[in-house]
Amino acid sequence: MARDVSGDAKATLGEILKKHSNLVPRPLDSTLEKIWGYASNEARHVVEGREPEQAEAELLVGLAATVATYLSKKFNVR
């Protein structure tokens, strides 16, 4: 959703948040970067033999859904 509303089709979330300060209010932008970093380290690049916990996975999915909903409403994306 961040790529869609920013027009940066290949940028990472961190790059988008730095370039487009109007997407989310500060300090939520830096909070989103930290959430994305956590998700990347703990879920996308899981160390072999380590499994993400269900509660953290559900938290991350819920946060991602909330941010996507916020951006779609703020920028009238349908």
N, C-alpha and C. Protein backbone atom coordinates (compact mmCIF):
# COMPACT_ATOMS: atom_id res chain seq x y z
N MET A 1 0.83 -1.18 0.00
CA MET A 1 0.00 0.00 0.00
C MET A 1 0.88 1.25 0.00
N ALA A 2 1.97 1.23 0.78
CA ALA A 2 2.87 2.38 0.82
C ALA A 2 3.46 2.65 -0.56
N ARG A 3 3.80 1.60 -1.28
CA ARG A 3 4.31 1.78 -2.64
C ARG A 3 3.24 2.39 -3.54
N ASP A 4 2.02 1.93 -3.43
CA ASP A 4 0.94 2.46 -4.26
C ASP A 4 0.70 3.93 -4.01
N VAL A 5 0.57 4.33 -2.76
CA VAL A 5 0.23 5.73 -2.47
C VAL A 5 1.41 6.67 -2.67
N SER A 6 2.65 6.14 -2.59
CA SER A 6 3.81 7.00 -2.78
C SER A 6 4.25 7.07 -4.24
N GLY A 7 3.86 6.07 -5.02
CA GLY A 7 4.30 6.01 -6.40
C GLY A 7 5.71 5.44 -6.56
N ASP A 8 6.30 4.98 -5.47
CA ASP A 8 7.63 4.37 -5.49
C ASP A 8 7.49 2.85 -5.56
N ALA A 9 7.38 2.33 -6.76
CA ALA A 9 7.06 0.91 -6.94
C ALA A 9 8.14 -0.05 -6.47
N LYS A 10 9.37 0.39 -6.37
CA LYS A 10 10.46 -0.52 -6.01
C LYS A 10 11.09 -0.19 -4.66
N ALA A 11 10.71 0.91 -4.05
CA ALA A 11 11.33 1.35 -2.80
C ALA A 11 10.91 0.47 -1.63
N THR A 12 11.80 0.39 -0.64
CA THR A 12 11.47 -0.31 0.59
C THR A 12 10.59 0.60 1.45
N LEU A 13 9.98 0.03 2.46
CA LEU A 13 9.14 0.84 3.35
C LEU A 13 9.96 1.94 4.00
N GLY A 14 11.16 1.63 4.45
CA GLY A 14 12.01 2.64 5.07
C GLY A 14 12.32 3.79 4.13
N GLU A 15 12.64 3.47 2.88
CA GLU A 15 12.92 4.51 1.88
C GLU A 15 11.68 5.37 1.63
N ILE A 16 10.54 4.71 1.53
CA ILE A 16 9.29 5.45 1.29
C ILE A 16 8.99 6.40 2.44
N LEU A 17 9.14 5.92 3.66
CA LEU A 17 8.84 6.76 4.82
C LEU A 17 9.78 7.96 4.89
N LYS A 18 11.03 7.78 4.49
CA LYS A 18 11.98 8.90 4.49
C LYS A 18 11.68 9.92 3.41
N LYS A 19 11.30 9.44 2.22
CA LYS A 19 11.03 10.33 1.09
C LYS A 19 9.68 11.03 1.18
N HIS A 20 8.72 10.37 1.81
CA HIS A 20 7.33 10.86 1.81
C HIS A 20 6.85 11.06 3.25
N SER A 21 7.22 12.18 3.82
CA SER A 21 6.91 12.43 5.23
C SER A 21 5.42 12.64 5.49
N ASN A 22 4.62 12.74 4.44
CA ASN A 22 3.18 12.94 4.62
C ASN A 22 2.39 11.65 4.77
N LEU A 23 3.05 10.50 4.67
CA LEU A 23 2.31 9.24 4.73
C LEU A 23 1.72 8.97 6.11
N VAL A 24 2.54 9.06 7.12
CA VAL A 24 2.07 8.86 8.49
C VAL A 24 2.69 9.93 9.38
N PRO A 25 1.98 10.34 10.42
CA PRO A 25 2.53 11.38 11.30
C PRO A 25 3.76 10.89 12.07
N ARG A 26 4.62 11.82 12.36
CA ARG A 26 5.78 11.51 13.22
C ARG A 26 5.30 11.38 14.64
N PRO A 27 5.82 10.57 15.49
CA PRO A 27 6.92 9.62 15.32
C PRO A 27 6.47 8.24 14.84
N LEU A 28 5.25 8.15 14.33
CA LEU A 28 4.77 6.85 13.87
C LEU A 28 5.59 6.33 12.69
N ASP A 29 6.17 7.23 11.90
CA ASP A 29 6.99 6.78 10.78
C ASP A 29 8.18 5.95 11.26
N SER A 30 8.86 6.42 12.29
CA SER A 30 10.01 5.65 12.80
C SER A 30 9.55 4.38 13.51
N THR A 31 8.37 4.42 14.09
CA THR A 31 7.82 3.22 14.71
C THR A 31 7.53 2.16 13.65
N LEU A 32 6.98 2.58 12.51
CA LEU A 32 6.71 1.63 11.43
C LEU A 32 8.00 1.03 10.88
N GLU A 33 9.05 1.84 10.79
CA GLU A 33 10.35 1.30 10.34
C GLU A 33 10.84 0.21 11.29
N LYS A 34 10.67 0.43 12.58
CA LYS A 34 11.10 -0.54 13.57
C LYS A 34 10.25 -1.81 13.51
N ILE A 35 8.96 -1.67 13.30
CA ILE A 35 8.08 -2.83 13.16
C ILE A 35 8.49 -3.64 11.93
N TRP A 36 8.75 -2.95 10.83
CA TRP A 36 9.17 -3.63 9.61
C TRP A 36 10.50 -4.36 9.83
N GLY A 37 11.43 -3.71 10.52
CA GLY A 37 12.71 -4.34 10.83
C GLY A 37 12.54 -5.59 11.67
N TYR A 38 11.68 -5.51 12.66
CA TYR A 38 11.41 -6.67 13.50
C TYR A 38 10.81 -7.80 12.66
N ALA A 39 9.84 -7.47 11.83
CA ALA A 39 9.20 -8.49 10.99
C ALA A 39 10.21 -9.13 10.05
N SER A 40 11.08 -8.32 9.50
CA SER A 40 12.09 -8.82 8.59
C SER A 40 13.05 -9.77 9.30
N ASN A 41 13.53 -9.37 10.45
CA ASN A 41 14.50 -10.18 11.20
C ASN A 41 13.88 -11.43 11.80
N GLU A 42 12.68 -11.31 12.31
CA GLU A 42 12.07 -12.42 13.06
C GLU A 42 11.18 -13.33 12.22
N ALA A 43 10.72 -12.87 11.07
CA ALA A 43 9.79 -13.68 10.30
C ALA A 43 10.29 -13.98 8.88
N ARG A 44 10.74 -12.97 8.19
CA ARG A 44 11.18 -13.21 6.80
C ARG A 44 12.51 -13.92 6.72
N HIS A 45 13.42 -13.63 7.63
CA HIS A 45 14.76 -14.21 7.61
C HIS A 45 14.99 -15.03 8.87
N VAL A 46 14.12 -15.97 9.10
CA VAL A 46 14.17 -16.78 10.31
C VAL A 46 15.43 -17.64 10.31
N VAL A 47 16.10 -17.66 11.44
CA VAL A 47 17.27 -18.51 11.60
C VAL A 47 16.81 -19.96 11.60
N GLU A 48 17.57 -20.81 10.93
CA GLU A 48 17.20 -22.22 10.84
C GLU A 48 17.03 -22.82 12.24
N GLY A 49 15.96 -23.56 12.40
CA GLY A 49 15.67 -24.20 13.68
C GLY A 49 14.89 -23.31 14.63
N ARG A 50 14.63 -22.11 14.23
CA ARG A 50 13.87 -21.18 15.07
C ARG A 50 12.55 -20.87 14.39
N GLU A 51 11.50 -20.92 15.14
CA GLU A 51 10.17 -20.70 14.57
C GLU A 51 9.54 -19.47 15.22
N PRO A 52 8.98 -18.56 14.40
CA PRO A 52 8.31 -17.40 14.99
C PRO A 52 7.13 -17.83 15.85
N GLU A 53 6.88 -17.10 16.90
CA GLU A 53 5.76 -17.43 17.76
C GLU A 53 4.46 -16.92 17.16
N GLN A 54 3.41 -17.66 17.39
CA GLN A 54 2.09 -17.34 16.84
C GLN A 54 1.63 -15.94 17.26
N ALA A 55 1.81 -15.61 18.52
CA ALA A 55 1.34 -14.31 19.03
C ALA A 55 2.02 -13.15 18.31
N GLU A 56 3.35 -13.25 18.11
CA GLU A 56 4.06 -12.18 17.43
C GLU A 56 3.66 -12.11 15.95
N ALA A 57 3.47 -13.27 15.32
CA ALA A 57 3.03 -13.29 13.93
C ALA A 57 1.67 -12.61 13.78
N GLU A 58 0.75 -12.92 14.67
CA GLU A 58 -0.58 -12.31 14.62
C GLU A 58 -0.51 -10.81 14.88
N LEU A 59 0.36 -10.39 15.78
CA LEU A 59 0.54 -8.96 16.05
C LEU A 59 1.03 -8.25 14.80
N LEU A 60 2.02 -8.80 14.12
CA LEU A 60 2.57 -8.17 12.93
C LEU A 60 1.55 -8.11 11.79
N VAL A 61 0.80 -9.18 11.60
CA VAL A 61 -0.23 -9.19 10.56
C VAL A 61 -1.30 -8.14 10.87
N GLY A 62 -1.70 -8.05 12.12
CA GLY A 62 -2.70 -7.06 12.52
C GLY A 62 -2.20 -5.64 12.31
N LEU A 63 -0.96 -5.38 12.68
CA LEU A 63 -0.40 -4.04 12.49
C LEU A 63 -0.31 -3.69 11.01
N ALA A 64 0.13 -4.65 10.19
CA ALA A 64 0.23 -4.41 8.74
C ALA A 64 -1.14 -4.11 8.14
N ALA A 65 -2.15 -4.85 8.57
CA ALA A 65 -3.50 -4.61 8.07
C ALA A 65 -4.01 -3.24 8.48
N THR A 66 -3.71 -2.85 9.69
CA THR A 66 -4.15 -1.54 10.18
C THR A 66 -3.48 -0.41 9.41
N VAL A 67 -2.19 -0.54 9.16
CA VAL A 67 -1.46 0.49 8.41
C VAL A 67 -1.98 0.57 6.97
N ALA A 68 -2.20 -0.58 6.35
CA ALA A 68 -2.72 -0.59 4.98
C ALA A 68 -4.11 0.05 4.92
N THR A 69 -4.96 -0.24 5.89
CA THR A 69 -6.28 0.37 5.94
C THR A 69 -6.18 1.88 6.13
N TYR A 70 -5.31 2.32 7.03
CA TYR A 70 -5.10 3.74 7.27
C TYR A 70 -4.67 4.45 5.99
N LEU A 71 -3.67 3.90 5.30
CA LEU A 71 -3.16 4.54 4.08
C LEU A 71 -4.21 4.56 2.98
N SER A 72 -4.96 3.47 2.85
CA SER A 72 -5.98 3.44 1.80
C SER A 72 -7.08 4.46 2.05
N LYS A 73 -7.43 4.67 3.30
CA LYS A 73 -8.46 5.68 3.62
C LYS A 73 -7.90 7.09 3.51
N LYS A 74 -6.69 7.30 3.98
CA LYS A 74 -6.08 8.64 3.94
C LYS A 74 -5.91 9.12 2.50
N PHE A 75 -5.54 8.20 1.59
CA PHE A 75 -5.27 8.57 0.22
C PHE A 75 -6.35 8.11 -0.75
N ASN A 76 -7.51 7.75 -0.22
CA ASN A 76 -8.68 7.36 -1.02
C ASN A 76 -8.37 6.31 -2.08
N VAL A 77 -7.67 5.26 -1.67
CA VAL A 77 -7.37 4.16 -2.58
C VAL A 77 -8.49 3.15 -2.48
N ARG A 78 -9.01 2.74 -3.60
CA ARG A 78 -10.10 1.76 -3.59
C ARG A 78 -9.71 0.53 -4.34
